[in-house]
Amino acid sequence: MPSLLYGYGVMARKKSKSKGPAFLTFNVDYEDGSVTSNRRVPNELLDQTFGAKLEDLALNAILDQDNEIAQRSGQRRPKIKKITRV
């Protein structure tokens, strides 16, 4: 047991590898000229395994977010003109 007292025979833990960011951010331009910056879209909604484009997946996720916001606030958002990844 003396070897454990002096630090011999004890291994250090491996550092866990980060999985990367959980979100991607996008700037959204609306048809009325308004802009929202840094809209977060979860990576799990941006799965490209079936060949869909990242922008199309992000657009659908942001549209869902806008619809949820509109239901809660009672005010509809204008149509999205374009989105750009930050």
N, C-alpha and C. Protein backbone atom coordinates (compact mmCIF):
# COMPACT_ATOMS: atom_id res chain seq x y z
N MET A 1 0.80 -1.20 0.00
CA MET A 1 0.00 0.00 0.00
C MET A 1 0.85 1.27 0.00
N PRO A 2 2.09 1.25 0.40
CA PRO A 2 2.86 2.48 0.41
C PRO A 2 3.03 3.09 -0.98
N SER A 3 2.97 2.28 -2.04
CA SER A 3 3.16 2.85 -3.37
C SER A 3 2.01 3.80 -3.75
N LEU A 4 0.82 3.57 -3.22
CA LEU A 4 -0.29 4.46 -3.50
C LEU A 4 -0.15 5.79 -2.77
N LEU A 5 0.53 5.78 -1.65
CA LEU A 5 0.70 7.02 -0.91
C LEU A 5 1.59 8.01 -1.64
N TYR A 6 2.51 7.52 -2.42
CA TYR A 6 3.44 8.40 -3.11
C TYR A 6 3.06 8.64 -4.56
N GLY A 7 1.88 8.21 -4.98
CA GLY A 7 1.40 8.47 -6.32
C GLY A 7 1.79 7.45 -7.35
N TYR A 8 2.41 6.37 -6.96
CA TYR A 8 2.78 5.34 -7.93
C TYR A 8 1.64 4.34 -8.05
N GLY A 9 1.44 3.88 -9.24
CA GLY A 9 0.43 2.87 -9.46
C GLY A 9 -0.98 3.43 -9.64
N VAL A 10 -1.12 4.74 -9.64
CA VAL A 10 -2.42 5.36 -9.83
C VAL A 10 -2.41 6.04 -11.19
N MET A 11 -3.39 5.70 -12.02
CA MET A 11 -3.45 6.29 -13.36
C MET A 11 -4.38 7.49 -13.35
N ALA A 12 -4.04 8.47 -14.16
CA ALA A 12 -4.89 9.65 -14.29
C ALA A 12 -6.09 9.31 -15.18
N ARG A 13 -7.17 10.00 -14.95
CA ARG A 13 -8.35 9.81 -15.78
C ARG A 13 -8.13 10.46 -17.15
N LYS A 14 -8.76 9.87 -18.15
CA LYS A 14 -8.72 10.47 -19.48
C LYS A 14 -9.71 11.63 -19.52
N LYS A 15 -9.31 12.68 -20.17
CA LYS A 15 -10.23 13.80 -20.32
C LYS A 15 -11.28 13.43 -21.35
N SER A 16 -12.50 13.80 -21.06
CA SER A 16 -13.57 13.49 -22.00
C SER A 16 -13.47 14.43 -23.19
N LYS A 17 -13.71 13.89 -24.36
CA LYS A 17 -13.66 14.70 -25.57
C LYS A 17 -14.98 15.43 -25.72
N SER A 18 -14.91 16.69 -26.10
CA SER A 18 -16.15 17.44 -26.29
C SER A 18 -16.83 16.98 -27.56
N LYS A 19 -18.11 17.03 -27.57
CA LYS A 19 -18.89 16.58 -28.71
C LYS A 19 -19.08 17.71 -29.72
N GLY A 20 -18.52 18.85 -29.46
CA GLY A 20 -18.71 19.99 -30.33
C GLY A 20 -19.89 20.81 -29.85
N PRO A 21 -20.18 21.88 -30.58
CA PRO A 21 -21.29 22.73 -30.15
C PRO A 21 -22.64 22.01 -30.31
N ALA A 22 -23.55 22.30 -29.42
CA ALA A 22 -24.87 21.68 -29.47
C ALA A 22 -25.80 22.44 -30.41
N PHE A 23 -25.41 23.65 -30.79
CA PHE A 23 -26.24 24.50 -31.64
C PHE A 23 -25.40 25.11 -32.75
N LEU A 24 -26.06 25.45 -33.86
CA LEU A 24 -25.48 26.31 -34.88
C LEU A 24 -26.29 27.59 -34.87
N THR A 25 -25.65 28.70 -35.19
CA THR A 25 -26.36 29.98 -35.17
C THR A 25 -26.53 30.51 -36.59
N PHE A 26 -27.64 31.18 -36.80
CA PHE A 26 -27.98 31.74 -38.11
C PHE A 26 -28.54 33.14 -37.92
N ASN A 27 -28.27 34.01 -38.90
CA ASN A 27 -28.92 35.31 -38.97
C ASN A 27 -30.08 35.17 -39.94
N VAL A 28 -31.22 35.77 -39.59
CA VAL A 28 -32.42 35.63 -40.40
C VAL A 28 -32.86 37.00 -40.87
N ASP A 29 -33.02 37.15 -42.20
CA ASP A 29 -33.54 38.38 -42.80
C ASP A 29 -34.98 38.13 -43.21
N TYR A 30 -35.87 39.04 -42.82
CA TYR A 30 -37.28 38.92 -43.15
C TYR A 30 -37.64 39.84 -44.30
N GLU A 31 -38.77 39.57 -44.97
CA GLU A 31 -39.17 40.34 -46.14
C GLU A 31 -39.48 41.79 -45.81
N ASP A 32 -39.86 42.09 -44.58
CA ASP A 32 -40.16 43.48 -44.21
C ASP A 32 -38.91 44.28 -43.85
N GLY A 33 -37.73 43.65 -43.95
CA GLY A 33 -36.48 44.34 -43.67
C GLY A 33 -35.94 44.11 -42.27
N SER A 34 -36.72 43.47 -41.42
CA SER A 34 -36.23 43.20 -40.06
C SER A 34 -35.24 42.04 -40.09
N VAL A 35 -34.37 42.02 -39.08
CA VAL A 35 -33.32 41.01 -39.00
C VAL A 35 -33.28 40.47 -37.57
N THR A 36 -33.12 39.16 -37.43
CA THR A 36 -32.82 38.58 -36.13
C THR A 36 -31.46 37.93 -36.22
N SER A 37 -30.63 38.19 -35.23
CA SER A 37 -29.26 37.69 -35.25
C SER A 37 -29.09 36.53 -34.29
N ASN A 38 -28.18 35.65 -34.64
CA ASN A 38 -27.77 34.54 -33.78
C ASN A 38 -28.92 33.66 -33.33
N ARG A 39 -29.79 33.28 -34.27
CA ARG A 39 -30.86 32.33 -33.97
C ARG A 39 -30.23 30.96 -33.83
N ARG A 40 -30.44 30.33 -32.70
CA ARG A 40 -29.83 29.02 -32.42
C ARG A 40 -30.73 27.90 -32.92
N VAL A 41 -30.09 26.95 -33.63
CA VAL A 41 -30.79 25.77 -34.13
C VAL A 41 -30.04 24.55 -33.59
N PRO A 42 -30.72 23.65 -32.87
CA PRO A 42 -30.05 22.47 -32.34
C PRO A 42 -29.46 21.58 -33.45
N ASN A 43 -28.29 21.04 -33.20
CA ASN A 43 -27.63 20.17 -34.19
C ASN A 43 -28.47 18.94 -34.53
N GLU A 44 -29.24 18.46 -33.58
CA GLU A 44 -30.04 17.26 -33.84
C GLU A 44 -31.10 17.50 -34.92
N LEU A 45 -31.47 18.77 -35.15
CA LEU A 45 -32.43 19.09 -36.20
C LEU A 45 -31.74 19.29 -37.55
N LEU A 46 -30.41 19.30 -37.56
CA LEU A 46 -29.66 19.57 -38.78
C LEU A 46 -28.97 18.31 -39.30
N ASP A 47 -29.60 17.17 -39.16
CA ASP A 47 -29.04 15.89 -39.59
C ASP A 47 -29.12 15.79 -41.11
N GLN A 48 -27.95 15.70 -41.76
CA GLN A 48 -27.89 15.68 -43.22
C GLN A 48 -27.70 14.28 -43.79
N THR A 49 -28.03 13.25 -43.06
CA THR A 49 -27.80 11.89 -43.54
C THR A 49 -28.65 11.53 -44.75
N PHE A 50 -29.77 12.20 -44.96
CA PHE A 50 -30.63 11.89 -46.09
C PHE A 50 -30.42 12.83 -47.26
N GLY A 51 -29.34 13.63 -47.22
CA GLY A 51 -28.97 14.47 -48.34
C GLY A 51 -29.60 15.84 -48.36
N ALA A 52 -30.33 16.22 -47.35
CA ALA A 52 -30.93 17.55 -47.32
C ALA A 52 -29.85 18.59 -47.07
N LYS A 53 -30.06 19.79 -47.61
CA LYS A 53 -29.10 20.87 -47.43
C LYS A 53 -29.24 21.45 -46.02
N LEU A 54 -28.12 21.90 -45.49
CA LEU A 54 -28.09 22.47 -44.15
C LEU A 54 -29.02 23.68 -44.05
N GLU A 55 -29.01 24.53 -45.07
CA GLU A 55 -29.84 25.74 -45.05
C GLU A 55 -31.33 25.39 -45.04
N ASP A 56 -31.71 24.35 -45.78
CA ASP A 56 -33.12 23.94 -45.81
C ASP A 56 -33.56 23.40 -44.46
N LEU A 57 -32.70 22.60 -43.84
CA LEU A 57 -33.03 22.07 -42.51
C LEU A 57 -33.13 23.19 -41.48
N ALA A 58 -32.19 24.15 -41.56
CA ALA A 58 -32.22 25.28 -40.63
C ALA A 58 -33.45 26.14 -40.86
N LEU A 59 -33.81 26.35 -42.12
CA LEU A 59 -35.00 27.14 -42.44
C LEU A 59 -36.25 26.51 -41.84
N ASN A 60 -36.39 25.20 -41.97
CA ASN A 60 -37.55 24.51 -41.39
C ASN A 60 -37.57 24.64 -39.87
N ALA A 61 -36.40 24.51 -39.24
CA ALA A 61 -36.32 24.64 -37.78
C ALA A 61 -36.68 26.06 -37.34
N ILE A 62 -36.19 27.05 -38.06
CA ILE A 62 -36.47 28.45 -37.70
C ILE A 62 -37.94 28.77 -37.95
N LEU A 63 -38.52 28.23 -39.02
CA LEU A 63 -39.95 28.42 -39.26
C LEU A 63 -40.78 27.83 -38.12
N ASP A 64 -40.38 26.66 -37.64
CA ASP A 64 -41.08 26.06 -36.49
C ASP A 64 -40.95 26.95 -35.26
N GLN A 65 -39.74 27.49 -35.03
CA GLN A 65 -39.55 28.40 -33.89
C GLN A 65 -40.43 29.63 -34.03
N ASP A 66 -40.48 30.21 -35.24
CA ASP A 66 -41.30 31.40 -35.48
C ASP A 66 -42.79 31.11 -35.26
N ASN A 67 -43.24 29.94 -35.71
CA ASN A 67 -44.65 29.59 -35.51
C ASN A 67 -44.98 29.43 -34.03
N GLU A 68 -44.05 28.84 -33.28
CA GLU A 68 -44.27 28.70 -31.84
C GLU A 68 -44.31 30.06 -31.15
N ILE A 69 -43.42 30.95 -31.55
CA ILE A 69 -43.39 32.31 -30.99
C ILE A 69 -44.69 33.04 -31.34
N ALA A 70 -45.15 32.87 -32.58
CA ALA A 70 -46.38 33.54 -33.02
C ALA A 70 -47.59 33.04 -32.24
N GLN A 71 -47.63 31.75 -31.95
CA GLN A 71 -48.75 31.21 -31.17
C GLN A 71 -48.76 31.77 -29.76
N ARG A 72 -47.59 31.90 -29.17
CA ARG A 72 -47.52 32.40 -27.80
C ARG A 72 -47.79 33.89 -27.71
N SER A 73 -47.30 34.65 -28.67
CA SER A 73 -47.42 36.11 -28.59
C SER A 73 -48.67 36.63 -29.27
N GLY A 74 -49.23 35.86 -30.19
CA GLY A 74 -50.40 36.32 -30.91
C GLY A 74 -50.05 37.20 -32.10
N GLN A 75 -48.76 37.40 -32.38
CA GLN A 75 -48.33 38.21 -33.52
C GLN A 75 -47.53 37.34 -34.48
N ARG A 76 -47.92 37.40 -35.76
CA ARG A 76 -47.22 36.61 -36.76
C ARG A 76 -45.95 37.31 -37.22
N ARG A 77 -44.91 36.52 -37.47
CA ARG A 77 -43.67 37.05 -38.01
C ARG A 77 -43.81 37.18 -39.52
N PRO A 78 -43.10 38.12 -40.12
CA PRO A 78 -43.12 38.21 -41.59
C PRO A 78 -42.44 36.99 -42.21
N LYS A 79 -42.57 36.83 -43.52
CA LYS A 79 -41.94 35.72 -44.22
C LYS A 79 -40.42 35.89 -44.22
N ILE A 80 -39.73 34.76 -44.18
CA ILE A 80 -38.26 34.78 -44.18
C ILE A 80 -37.78 34.98 -45.60
N LYS A 81 -36.87 35.95 -45.76
CA LYS A 81 -36.27 36.22 -47.06
C LYS A 81 -35.03 35.34 -47.29
N LYS A 82 -34.14 35.32 -46.29
CA LYS A 82 -32.94 34.47 -46.39
C LYS A 82 -32.36 34.23 -45.02
N ILE A 83 -31.59 33.16 -44.92
CA ILE A 83 -30.85 32.88 -43.68
C ILE A 83 -29.38 32.70 -44.04
N THR A 84 -28.52 33.11 -43.13
CA THR A 84 -27.09 32.94 -43.34
C THR A 84 -26.49 32.39 -42.06
N ARG A 85 -25.57 31.46 -42.23
CA ARG A 85 -24.91 30.86 -41.07
C ARG A 85 -23.88 31.83 -40.52
N VAL A 86 -23.84 31.93 -39.21
CA VAL A 86 -22.89 32.83 -38.54
C VAL A 86 -21.60 32.09 -38.31
